Protein backbone atom coordinates (compact mmCIF):
# COMPACT_ATOMS: atom_id res chain seq x y z
CA MET A 1 -0.06 -0.03 0.02
CA SER A 2 1.28 3.50 -1.00
CA LEU A 3 1.71 6.27 1.64
CA THR A 4 -1.01 8.01 -0.33
CA GLU A 5 -3.47 5.31 0.11
CA THR A 6 -2.30 4.80 4.01
CA ILE A 7 -2.90 8.56 4.47
CA SER A 8 -6.62 8.15 3.03
CA ARG A 9 -7.18 5.82 5.67
CA ASN A 10 -5.88 7.86 8.38
CA ASP A 11 -9.08 9.33 10.10
CA ARG A 12 -7.15 11.34 12.60
CA LEU A 13 -5.84 13.77 9.41
CA SER A 14 -7.77 16.77 8.57
CA ASP A 15 -8.78 17.15 4.92
CA GLU A 16 -6.28 20.04 4.55
CA GLN A 17 -3.60 17.62 6.11
CA ARG A 18 -4.36 14.94 3.58
CA ASP A 19 -4.40 17.84 0.53
CA CYS A 20 -0.87 18.98 1.82
CA ILE A 21 0.46 15.40 2.03
CA ASP A 22 -0.62 14.91 -1.44
CA ASN A 23 0.88 18.12 -2.66
CA CYS A 24 4.20 17.38 -0.98
CA LEU A 25 4.56 14.00 -2.60
CA SER A 26 3.52 15.39 -6.04
CA ALA A 27 6.20 17.85 -5.44
CA ALA A 28 8.62 15.47 -4.51
CA GLU A 29 8.25 13.21 -7.56
CA THR A 30 7.73 16.23 -10.00
CA CYS A 31 11.18 18.03 -8.59
CA GLU A 32 13.01 14.57 -9.06
CA TRP A 33 11.85 14.50 -12.52
CA CYS A 34 12.80 18.11 -13.30
CA ALA A 35 16.11 17.81 -11.90
CA ASP A 36 17.00 14.73 -13.89
CA ALA A 37 15.58 16.41 -17.16
CA CYS A 38 17.79 19.70 -16.43
CA ILE A 39 20.76 17.69 -16.19
CA ASP A 40 20.43 16.93 -19.90
CA GLU A 41 19.61 20.66 -20.62
CA GLY A 42 23.23 21.78 -20.11
CA GLU A 43 24.71 24.75 -18.68
CA GLY A 44 22.79 27.33 -16.59
CA MET A 45 20.64 24.94 -15.09
CA GLU A 46 22.72 24.33 -11.82
CA GLU A 47 20.42 26.42 -9.45
CA CYS A 48 17.38 24.80 -10.85
CA ILE A 49 18.74 20.87 -10.14
CA ARG A 50 19.79 22.13 -6.47
CA LEU A 51 16.51 23.74 -5.50
CA CYS A 52 14.55 20.86 -6.98
CA ARG A 53 16.79 18.29 -5.04
CA ASP A 54 16.15 20.54 -1.98
CA VAL A 55 12.37 20.58 -2.25
CA ALA A 56 12.16 17.08 -3.25
CA ASP A 57 13.81 16.04 -0.18
CA LEU A 58 11.89 18.53 2.09
CA THR A 59 8.57 17.89 0.95
CA ALA A 60 8.92 14.00 1.20
CA LEU A 61 10.27 14.73 4.87
CA HIS A 62 7.33 17.05 5.49
CA ALA A 63 4.67 14.21 4.03
CA ARG A 64 6.04 11.97 6.38
CA PHE A 65 6.18 14.41 9.58
CA MET A 66 2.57 15.31 8.66
CA ALA A 67 1.64 11.56 8.79
CA ARG A 68 2.96 11.02 12.17
CA ASP A 69 1.54 14.44 13.35
CA SER A 70 5.15 15.46 14.44
CA ASP A 71 5.00 18.54 16.87
CA TYR A 72 7.96 19.78 14.28
CA SER A 73 5.63 19.64 11.36
CA ALA A 74 4.29 23.61 11.35
CA ASP A 75 7.91 24.57 11.58
CA LEU A 76 9.14 22.13 8.50
CA ALA A 77 5.68 23.45 6.66
CA ALA A 78 7.02 27.12 6.69
CA THR A 79 10.33 26.09 5.60
CA CYS A 80 8.92 23.96 2.90
CA ALA A 81 6.96 26.71 1.61
CA ASP A 82 9.82 28.82 1.16
CA ALA A 83 11.61 26.43 -0.52
CA CYS A 84 8.80 25.78 -3.11
CA GLU A 85 8.32 29.24 -3.88
CA ALA A 86 12.23 29.71 -4.32
CA CYS A 87 12.32 26.82 -6.56
CA ALA A 88 9.09 27.83 -8.50
CA ASP A 89 10.64 31.03 -8.73
CA GLU A 90 13.90 29.40 -10.43
CA CYS A 91 11.96 26.96 -12.55
CA GLU A 92 9.66 29.70 -14.15
CA GLN A 93 12.78 31.37 -15.69
CA HIS A 94 13.28 28.43 -17.79
CA ASP A 95 11.30 27.65 -21.07
CA HIS A 96 11.44 24.13 -20.77
CA ASP A 97 8.25 22.18 -20.26
CA HIS A 98 9.45 20.12 -17.28
CA CYS A 99 10.28 23.25 -15.44
CA GLN A 100 6.88 24.93 -16.13
CA VAL A 101 5.22 22.16 -14.73
CA CYS A 102 7.21 21.71 -11.90
CA ALA A 103 6.60 25.43 -11.02
CA ASP A 104 2.71 25.02 -11.20
CA VAL A 105 3.07 21.79 -8.91
CA LEU A 106 5.17 23.73 -6.65
CA ARG A 107 2.70 26.83 -6.41
CA ASP A 108 0.00 24.50 -5.13
CA CYS A 109 2.37 22.69 -2.87
CA ALA A 110 3.44 26.05 -1.16
CA GLU A 111 0.16 27.31 -0.58
CA THR A 112 -0.93 24.27 1.28
CA CYS A 113 2.20 24.31 3.08
CA ARG A 114 1.81 28.00 4.20
CA GLU A 115 -1.86 26.71 5.50
CA MET A 116 -0.34 24.02 7.64
CA ALA A 117 2.46 26.43 9.10
CA SER A 118 -0.27 28.93 10.11
CA ALA A 119 -2.67 26.08 11.43
């Protein structure tokens, strides 16, 4: 059973928490894809790759923290939102399809992470 399927069965999580977990997992997957695709694009993609890798790790960690209702989840949510926004800003500077898709996914993730940070 995947983490997403397990989360959907966890009745102690709110709908907002489930949405944030789903967005974080999507962001992690999309950032891994984008970073890998950026490697093939050549010079000038280093910052995009670095940020995507950071966000992939942060969002995956945040999803796990929310799933276990960690006391540190709100703090991590704020950091996660900041990183998602920075990475989306970087991705939007590139015309590659993978960067544009990544930026869109990251904007959604940043929004739900901000909501979790202020909850």
